[in-house]
Amino acid sequence: MNPVEGKIVIDVSRKYVSIFRCDGEGKVVDEDHFAHPFRLDRQDAIGEVVDLYSFIYDWLNDTINGGYPDDSAREGEPPAKTE
């Protein structure tokens, strides 16, 4: 198993989105918090989590793998992971 050199943690609540940069052992070395302009309902907060995951997945896939091999990502759906 490869040792983890760093972690990024994103917490989404109905009121805030917080991002943390951690070392390989999980110790927070940098953080920031962003307040929503208004309190989200539960479904909207969950939707933000899905959107953030999809955005990060797409960025990593484009950066590391050169993008999708086909049209596997569809509007509003998490991307299809390929192995």
PDB file of N, CA and C in Angstrom:
ATOM      1  N   MET A   1       0.841  -1.185   0.000  1.00  0.00           N
ATOM      2  CA  MET A   1       0.000   0.000   0.000  1.00  0.00           C
ATOM      3  C   MET A   1       0.884   1.246   0.000  1.00  0.00           C
ATOM      4  N   ASN A   2       0.490   2.229  -0.780  1.00  0.00           N
ATOM      5  CA  ASN A   2       1.238   3.481  -0.847  1.00  0.00           C
ATOM      6  C   ASN A   2       0.899   4.363   0.346  1.00  0.00           C
ATOM      7  N   PRO A   3       1.909   4.990   0.953  1.00  0.00           N
ATOM      8  CA  PRO A   3       1.609   5.905   2.054  1.00  0.00           C
ATOM      9  C   PRO A   3       0.885   7.151   1.532  1.00  0.00           C
ATOM     10  N   VAL A   4      -0.027   7.663   2.315  1.00  0.00           N
ATOM     11  CA  VAL A   4      -0.765   8.875   1.960  1.00  0.00           C
ATOM     12  C   VAL A   4       0.089  10.082   2.325  1.00  0.00           C
ATOM     13  N   GLU A   5       0.292  10.969   1.373  1.00  0.00           N
ATOM     14  CA  GLU A   5       1.110  12.161   1.602  1.00  0.00           C
ATOM     15  C   GLU A   5       0.276  13.364   2.018  1.00  0.00           C
ATOM     16  N   GLY A   6      -0.989  13.353   1.711  1.00  0.00           N
ATOM     17  CA  GLY A   6      -1.857  14.465   2.081  1.00  0.00           C
ATOM     18  C   GLY A   6      -3.307  14.119   1.817  1.00  0.00           C
ATOM     19  N   LYS A   7      -4.194  14.866   2.433  1.00  0.00           N
ATOM     20  CA  LYS A   7      -5.629  14.648   2.284  1.00  0.00           C
ATOM     21  C   LYS A   7      -6.323  15.996   2.127  1.00  0.00           C
ATOM     22  N   ILE A   8      -7.428  15.977   1.418  1.00  0.00           N
ATOM     23  CA  ILE A   8      -8.312  17.129   1.340  1.00  0.00           C
ATOM     24  C   ILE A   8      -9.674  16.659   1.821  1.00  0.00           C
ATOM     25  N   VAL A   9     -10.226  17.381   2.776  1.00  0.00           N
ATOM     26  CA  VAL A   9     -11.532  17.036   3.328  1.00  0.00           C
ATOM     27  C   VAL A   9     -12.468  18.212   3.076  1.00  0.00           C
ATOM     28  N   ILE A  10     -13.653  17.924   2.552  1.00  0.00           N
ATOM     29  CA  ILE A  10     -14.661  18.952   2.340  1.00  0.00           C
ATOM     30  C   ILE A  10     -15.895  18.553   3.133  1.00  0.00           C
ATOM     31  N   ASP A  11     -16.308  19.419   4.043  1.00  0.00           N
ATOM     32  CA  ASP A  11     -17.525  19.213   4.830  1.00  0.00           C
ATOM     33  C   ASP A  11     -18.614  20.120   4.274  1.00  0.00           C
ATOM     34  N   VAL A  12     -19.776  19.542   4.026  1.00  0.00           N
ATOM     35  CA  VAL A  12     -20.913  20.321   3.539  1.00  0.00           C
ATOM     36  C   VAL A  12     -22.033  20.226   4.564  1.00  0.00           C
ATOM     37  N   SER A  13     -22.483  21.373   5.034  1.00  0.00           N
ATOM     38  CA  SER A  13     -23.642  21.416   5.928  1.00  0.00           C
ATOM     39  C   SER A  13     -24.699  22.305   5.282  1.00  0.00           C
ATOM     40  N   ARG A  14     -25.784  22.483   5.958  1.00  0.00           N
ATOM     41  CA  ARG A  14     -26.841  23.340   5.417  1.00  0.00           C
ATOM     42  C   ARG A  14     -26.459  24.812   5.450  1.00  0.00           C
ATOM     43  N   LYS A  15     -25.481  25.161   6.291  1.00  0.00           N
ATOM     44  CA  LYS A  15     -25.087  26.563   6.448  1.00  0.00           C
ATOM     45  C   LYS A  15     -23.702  26.881   5.878  1.00  0.00           C
ATOM     46  N   TYR A  16     -22.782  25.921   5.912  1.00  0.00           N
ATOM     47  CA  TYR A  16     -21.391  26.167   5.510  1.00  0.00           C
ATOM     48  C   TYR A  16     -20.849  25.054   4.616  1.00  0.00           C
ATOM     49  N   VAL A  17     -19.820  25.422   3.857  1.00  0.00           N
ATOM     50  CA  VAL A  17     -18.937  24.448   3.220  1.00  0.00           C
ATOM     51  C   VAL A  17     -17.550  24.752   3.769  1.00  0.00           C
ATOM     52  N   SER A  18     -16.893  23.737   4.298  1.00  0.00           N
ATOM     53  CA  SER A  18     -15.555  23.902   4.864  1.00  0.00           C
ATOM     54  C   SER A  18     -14.596  22.997   4.116  1.00  0.00           C
ATOM     55  N   ILE A  19     -13.395  23.499   3.874  1.00  0.00           N
ATOM     56  CA  ILE A  19     -12.367  22.708   3.204  1.00  0.00           C
ATOM     57  C   ILE A  19     -11.128  22.681   4.094  1.00  0.00           C
ATOM     58  N   PHE A  20     -10.540  21.501   4.198  1.00  0.00           N
ATOM     59  CA  PHE A  20      -9.374  21.291   5.047  1.00  0.00           C
ATOM     60  C   PHE A  20      -8.282  20.607   4.233  1.00  0.00           C
ATOM     61  N   ARG A  21      -7.051  21.118   4.343  1.00  0.00           N
ATOM     62  CA  ARG A  21      -5.882  20.443   3.773  1.00  0.00           C
ATOM     63  C   ARG A  21      -5.142  19.826   4.940  1.00  0.00           C
ATOM     64  N   CYS A  22      -4.913  18.528   4.852  1.00  0.00           N
ATOM     65  CA  CYS A  22      -4.302  17.786   5.953  1.00  0.00           C
ATOM     66  C   CYS A  22      -3.022  17.116   5.484  1.00  0.00           C
ATOM     67  N   ASP A  23      -2.138  16.823   6.448  1.00  0.00           N
ATOM     68  CA  ASP A  23      -0.949  16.045   6.110  1.00  0.00           C
ATOM     69  C   ASP A  23      -1.357  14.574   5.997  1.00  0.00           C
ATOM     70  N   GLY A  24      -0.403  13.714   5.738  1.00  0.00           N
ATOM     71  CA  GLY A  24      -0.678  12.300   5.535  1.00  0.00           C
ATOM     72  C   GLY A  24      -1.262  11.593   6.739  1.00  0.00           C
ATOM     73  N   GLU A  25      -1.102  12.186   7.904  1.00  0.00           N
ATOM     74  CA  GLU A  25      -1.645  11.582   9.122  1.00  0.00           C
ATOM     75  C   GLU A  25      -2.985  12.190   9.519  1.00  0.00           C
ATOM     76  N   GLY A  26      -3.487  13.112   8.721  1.00  0.00           N
ATOM     77  CA  GLY A  26      -4.788  13.710   8.989  1.00  0.00           C
ATOM     78  C   GLY A  26      -4.762  14.991   9.801  1.00  0.00           C
ATOM     79  N   LYS A  27      -3.579  15.506  10.130  1.00  0.00           N
ATOM     80  CA  LYS A  27      -3.477  16.761  10.883  1.00  0.00           C
ATOM     81  C   LYS A  27      -3.780  17.932   9.949  1.00  0.00           C
ATOM     82  N   VAL A  28      -4.699  18.803  10.357  1.00  0.00           N
ATOM     83  CA  VAL A  28      -5.096  19.949   9.541  1.00  0.00           C
ATOM     84  C   VAL A  28      -3.948  20.955   9.479  1.00  0.00           C
ATOM     85  N   VAL A  29      -3.547  21.329   8.244  1.00  0.00           N
ATOM     86  CA  VAL A  29      -2.487  22.321   8.059  1.00  0.00           C
ATOM     87  C   VAL A  29      -3.017  23.616   7.441  1.00  0.00           C
ATOM     88  N   ASP A  30      -4.224  23.581   6.879  1.00  0.00           N
ATOM     89  CA  ASP A  30      -4.849  24.778   6.324  1.00  0.00           C
ATOM     90  C   ASP A  30      -6.348  24.516   6.226  1.00  0.00           C
ATOM     91  N   GLU A  31      -7.144  25.561   6.381  1.00  0.00           N
ATOM     92  CA  GLU A  31      -8.596  25.389   6.291  1.00  0.00           C
ATOM     93  C   GLU A  31      -9.261  26.708   5.949  1.00  0.00           C
ATOM     94  N   ASP A  32     -10.468  26.612   5.412  1.00  0.00           N
ATOM     95  CA  ASP A  32     -11.290  27.788   5.168  1.00  0.00           C
ATOM     96  C   ASP A  32     -12.747  27.361   5.231  1.00  0.00           C
ATOM     97  N   HIS A  33     -13.622  28.323   5.509  1.00  0.00           N
ATOM     98  CA  HIS A  33     -15.047  28.055   5.668  1.00  0.00           C
ATOM     99  C   HIS A  33     -15.819  29.083   4.848  1.00  0.00           C
ATOM    100  N   PHE A  34     -16.824  28.619   4.152  1.00  0.00           N
ATOM    101  CA  PHE A  34     -17.635  29.476   3.299  1.00  0.00           C
ATOM    102  C   PHE A  34     -19.090  29.361   3.733  1.00  0.00           C
ATOM    103  N   ALA A  35     -19.718  30.495   4.013  1.00  0.00           N
ATOM    104  CA  ALA A  35     -21.123  30.497   4.427  1.00  0.00           C
ATOM    105  C   ALA A  35     -22.019  30.589   3.193  1.00  0.00           C
ATOM    106  N   HIS A  36     -23.033  29.728   3.142  1.00  0.00           N
ATOM    107  CA  HIS A  36     -24.036  29.847   2.083  1.00  0.00           C
ATOM    108  C   HIS A  36     -24.771  31.178   2.265  1.00  0.00           C
ATOM    109  N   PRO A  37     -25.259  31.768   1.185  1.00  0.00           N
ATOM    110  CA  PRO A  37     -25.995  33.032   1.331  1.00  0.00           C
ATOM    111  C   PRO A  37     -27.302  32.851   2.115  1.00  0.00           C
ATOM    112  N   PHE A  38     -27.803  31.628   2.163  1.00  0.00           N
ATOM    113  CA  PHE A  38     -28.995  31.301   2.951  1.00  0.00           C
ATOM    114  C   PHE A  38     -28.892  29.828   3.334  1.00  0.00           C
ATOM    115  N   ARG A  39     -29.605  29.436   4.364  1.00  0.00           N
ATOM    116  CA  ARG A  39     -29.560  28.055   4.851  1.00  0.00           C
ATOM    117  C   ARG A  39     -30.185  27.123   3.813  1.00  0.00           C
ATOM    118  N   LEU A  40     -29.450  26.074   3.442  1.00  0.00           N
ATOM    119  CA  LEU A  40     -29.942  25.097   2.476  1.00  0.00           C
ATOM    120  C   LEU A  40     -30.847  24.085   3.159  1.00  0.00           C
ATOM    121  N   ASP A  41     -31.764  23.518   2.391  1.00  0.00           N
ATOM    122  CA  ASP A  41     -32.483  22.377   2.946  1.00  0.00           C
ATOM    123  C   ASP A  41     -31.606  21.138   2.746  1.00  0.00           C
ATOM    124  N   ARG A  42     -31.986  20.044   3.367  1.00  0.00           N
ATOM    125  CA  ARG A  42     -31.158  18.831   3.371  1.00  0.00           C
ATOM    126  C   ARG A  42     -30.857  18.340   1.953  1.00  0.00           C
ATOM    127  N   GLN A  43     -31.864  18.307   1.092  1.00  0.00           N
ATOM    128  CA  GLN A  43     -31.675  17.802  -0.273  1.00  0.00           C
ATOM    129  C   GLN A  43     -30.709  18.674  -1.065  1.00  0.00           C
ATOM    130  N   ASP A  44     -30.770  19.984  -0.888  1.00  0.00           N
ATOM    131  CA  ASP A  44     -29.833  20.873  -1.587  1.00  0.00           C
ATOM    132  C   ASP A  44     -28.403  20.668  -1.099  1.00  0.00           C
ATOM    133  N   ALA A  45     -28.238  20.452   0.209  1.00  0.00           N
ATOM    134  CA  ALA A  45     -26.898  20.190   0.750  1.00  0.00           C
ATOM    135  C   ALA A  45     -26.348  18.883   0.187  1.00  0.00           C
ATOM    136  N   ILE A  46     -27.189  17.857   0.114  1.00  0.00           N
ATOM    137  CA  ILE A  46     -26.766  16.579  -0.476  1.00  0.00           C
ATOM    138  C   ILE A  46     -26.420  16.779  -1.945  1.00  0.00           C
ATOM    139  N   GLY A  47     -27.205  17.588  -2.648  1.00  0.00           N
ATOM    140  CA  GLY A  47     -26.915  17.890  -4.051  1.00  0.00           C
ATOM    141  C   GLY A  47     -25.567  18.568  -4.224  1.00  0.00           C
ATOM    142  N   GLU A  48     -25.200  19.439  -3.289  1.00  0.00           N
ATOM    143  CA  GLU A  48     -23.878  20.074  -3.346  1.00  0.00           C
ATOM    144  C   GLU A  48     -22.766  19.050  -3.210  1.00  0.00           C
ATOM    145  N   VAL A  49     -22.964  18.075  -2.334  1.00  0.00           N
ATOM    146  CA  VAL A  49     -21.955  17.021  -2.164  1.00  0.00           C
ATOM    147  C   VAL A  49     -21.769  16.266  -3.481  1.00  0.00           C
ATOM    148  N   VAL A  50     -22.871  15.890  -4.124  1.00  0.00           N
ATOM    149  CA  VAL A  50     -22.797  15.166  -5.399  1.00  0.00           C
ATOM    150  C   VAL A  50     -22.111  16.029  -6.455  1.00  0.00           C
ATOM    151  N   ASP A  51     -22.475  17.310  -6.528  1.00  0.00           N
ATOM    152  CA  ASP A  51     -21.861  18.211  -7.509  1.00  0.00           C
ATOM    153  C   ASP A  51     -20.364  18.381  -7.265  1.00  0.00           C
ATOM    154  N   LEU A  52     -19.965  18.548  -6.000  1.00  0.00           N
ATOM    155  CA  LEU A  52     -18.541  18.688  -5.673  1.00  0.00           C
ATOM    156  C   LEU A  52     -17.765  17.431  -6.033  1.00  0.00           C
ATOM    157  N   TYR A  53     -18.317  16.267  -5.689  1.00  0.00           N
ATOM    158  CA  TYR A  53     -17.659  15.006  -6.020  1.00  0.00           C
ATOM    159  C   TYR A  53     -17.484  14.885  -7.532  1.00  0.00           C
ATOM    160  N   SER A  54     -18.541  15.168  -8.284  1.00  0.00           N
ATOM    161  CA  SER A  54     -18.468  15.059  -9.742  1.00  0.00           C
ATOM    162  C   SER A  54     -17.443  16.024 -10.322  1.00  0.00           C
ATOM    163  N   PHE A  55     -17.403  17.261  -9.810  1.00  0.00           N
ATOM    164  CA  PHE A  55     -16.441  18.250 -10.285  1.00  0.00           C
ATOM    165  C   PHE A  55     -15.011  17.787 -10.025  1.00  0.00           C
ATOM    166  N   ILE A  56     -14.748  17.335  -8.805  1.00  0.00           N
ATOM    167  CA  ILE A  56     -13.398  16.879  -8.448  1.00  0.00           C
ATOM    168  C   ILE A  56     -13.029  15.635  -9.245  1.00  0.00           C
ATOM    169  N   TYR A  57     -13.966  14.704  -9.389  1.00  0.00           N
ATOM    170  CA  TYR A  57     -13.719  13.497 -10.176  1.00  0.00           C
ATOM    171  C   TYR A  57     -13.362  13.870 -11.615  1.00  0.00           C
ATOM    172  N   ASP A  58     -14.158  14.749 -12.224  1.00  0.00           N
ATOM    173  CA  ASP A  58     -13.894  15.162 -13.606  1.00  0.00           C
ATOM    174  C   ASP A  58     -12.529  15.826 -13.735  1.00  0.00           C
ATOM    175  N   TRP A  59     -12.179  16.701 -12.785  1.00  0.00           N
ATOM    176  CA  TRP A  59     -10.886  17.379 -12.839  1.00  0.00           C
ATOM    177  C   TRP A  59      -9.750  16.369 -12.745  1.00  0.00           C
ATOM    178  N   LEU A  60      -9.848  15.441 -11.797  1.00  0.00           N
ATOM    179  CA  LEU A  60      -8.803  14.421 -11.661  1.00  0.00           C
ATOM    180  C   LEU A  60      -8.728  13.541 -12.900  1.00  0.00           C
ATOM    181  N   ASN A  61      -9.876  13.129 -13.410  1.00  0.00           N
ATOM    182  CA  ASN A  61      -9.893  12.275 -14.591  1.00  0.00           C
ATOM    183  C   ASN A  61      -9.283  12.990 -15.794  1.00  0.00           C
ATOM    184  N   ASP A  62      -9.639  14.257 -15.988  1.00  0.00           N
ATOM    185  CA  ASP A  62      -9.065  15.025 -17.094  1.00  0.00           C
ATOM    186  C   ASP A  62      -7.564  15.218 -16.921  1.00  0.00           C
ATOM    187  N   THR A  63      -7.132  15.522 -15.699  1.00  0.00           N
ATOM    188  CA  THR A  63      -5.728  15.809 -15.425  1.00  0.00           C
ATOM    189  C   THR A  63      -4.865  14.557 -15.494  1.00  0.00           C
ATOM    190  N   ILE A  64      -5.329  13.479 -14.908  1.00  0.00           N
ATOM    191  CA  ILE A  64      -4.512  12.270 -14.809  1.00  0.00           C
ATOM    192  C   ILE A  64      -4.724  11.323 -15.980  1.00  0.00           C
ATOM    193  N   ASN A  65      -5.970  11.138 -16.394  1.00  0.00           N
ATOM    194  CA  ASN A  65      -6.279  10.151 -17.431  1.00  0.00           C
ATOM    195  C   ASN A  65      -6.556  10.757 -18.797  1.00  0.00           C
ATOM    196  N   GLY A  66      -6.600  12.066 -18.888  1.00  0.00           N
ATOM    197  CA  GLY A  66      -6.881  12.692 -20.172  1.00  0.00           C
ATOM    198  C   GLY A  66      -8.358  12.758 -20.507  1.00  0.00           C
ATOM    199  N   GLY A  67      -9.234  12.518 -19.542  1.00  0.00           N
ATOM    200  CA  GLY A  67     -10.676  12.643 -19.774  1.00  0.00           C
ATOM    201  C   GLY A  67     -11.370  11.310 -19.918  1.00  0.00           C
ATOM    202  N   TYR A  68     -12.633  11.384 -20.256  1.00  0.00           N
ATOM    203  CA  TYR A  68     -13.461  10.184 -20.409  1.00  0.00           C
ATOM    204  C   TYR A  68     -13.163   9.496 -21.727  1.00  0.00           C
ATOM    205  N   PRO A  69     -13.217   8.160 -21.744  1.00  0.00           N
ATOM    206  CA  PRO A  69     -13.016   7.452 -22.999  1.00  0.00           C
ATOM    207  C   PRO A  69     -14.221   7.569 -23.924  1.00  0.00           C
ATOM    208  N   ASP A  70     -15.380   7.930 -23.380  1.00  0.00           N
ATOM    209  CA  ASP A  70     -16.606   8.075 -24.172  1.00  0.00           C
ATOM    210  C   ASP A  70     -17.521   9.067 -23.462  1.00  0.00           C
ATOM    211  N   ASP A  71     -18.775   9.081 -23.807  1.00  0.00           N
ATOM    212  CA  ASP A  71     -19.747   9.981 -23.168  1.00  0.00           C
ATOM    213  C   ASP A  71     -20.336   9.362 -21.913  1.00  0.00           C
ATOM    214  N   SER A  72     -19.504   8.847 -21.023  1.00  0.00           N
ATOM    215  CA  SER A  72     -20.006   8.141 -19.845  1.00  0.00           C
ATOM    216  C   SER A  72     -20.557   9.079 -18.785  1.00  0.00           C
ATOM    217  N   ALA A  73     -20.212  10.363 -18.830  1.00  0.00           N
ATOM    218  CA  ALA A  73     -20.754  11.317 -17.856  1.00  0.00           C
ATOM    219  C   ALA A  73     -21.986  11.969 -18.463  1.00  0.00           C
ATOM    220  N   ARG A  74     -23.060  11.949 -17.736  1.00  0.00           N
ATOM    221  CA  ARG A  74     -24.303  12.526 -18.201  1.00  0.00           C
ATOM    222  C   ARG A  74     -24.723  13.647 -17.251  1.00  0.00           C
ATOM    223  N   GLU A  75     -25.404  14.625 -17.777  1.00  0.00           N
ATOM    224  CA  GLU A  75     -25.859  15.766 -16.989  1.00  0.00           C
ATOM    225  C   GLU A  75     -26.617  15.307 -15.748  1.00  0.00           C
ATOM    226  N   GLY A  76     -26.169  15.784 -14.576  1.00  0.00           N
ATOM    227  CA  GLY A  76     -26.859  15.485 -13.337  1.00  0.00           C
ATOM    228  C   GLY A  76     -26.556  14.133 -12.731  1.00  0.00           C
ATOM    229  N   GLU A  77     -25.677  13.350 -13.352  1.00  0.00           N
ATOM    230  CA  GLU A  77     -25.326  12.035 -12.829  1.00  0.00           C
ATOM    231  C   GLU A  77     -23.848  12.011 -12.466  1.00  0.00           C
ATOM    232  N   PRO A  78     -23.500  11.264 -11.417  1.00  0.00           N
ATOM    233  CA  PRO A  78     -22.075  11.105 -11.122  1.00  0.00           C
ATOM    234  C   PRO A  78     -21.396  10.400 -12.296  1.00  0.00           C
ATOM    235  N   PRO A  79     -20.139  10.689 -12.542  1.00  0.00           N
ATOM    236  CA  PRO A  79     -19.446  10.053 -13.657  1.00  0.00           C
ATOM    237  C   PRO A  79     -19.304   8.555 -13.448  1.00  0.00           C
ATOM    238  N   ALA A  80     -19.271   7.829 -14.551  1.00  0.00           N
ATOM    239  CA  ALA A  80     -19.044   6.387 -14.489  1.00  0.00           C
ATOM    240  C   ALA A  80     -17.554   6.152 -14.338  1.00  0.00           C
ATOM    241  N   LYS A  81     -17.164   5.508 -13.268  1.00  0.00           N
ATOM    242  CA  LYS A  81     -15.748   5.245 -13.039  1.00  0.00           C
ATOM    243  C   LYS A  81     -15.290   4.127 -13.961  1.00  0.00           C
ATOM    244  N   THR A  82     -14.120   4.319 -14.541  1.00  0.00           N
ATOM    245  CA  THR A  82     -13.546   3.290 -15.398  1.00  0.00           C
ATOM    246  C   THR A  82     -12.290   2.757 -14.754  1.00  0.00           C
ATOM    247  N   GLU A  83     -12.005   1.507 -15.006  1.00  0.00           N
ATOM    248  CA  GLU A  83     -10.805   0.899 -14.419  1.00  0.00           C
ATOM    249  C   GLU A  83      -9.858   0.465 -15.496  1.00  0.00           C
TER     250      GLU A  83
END
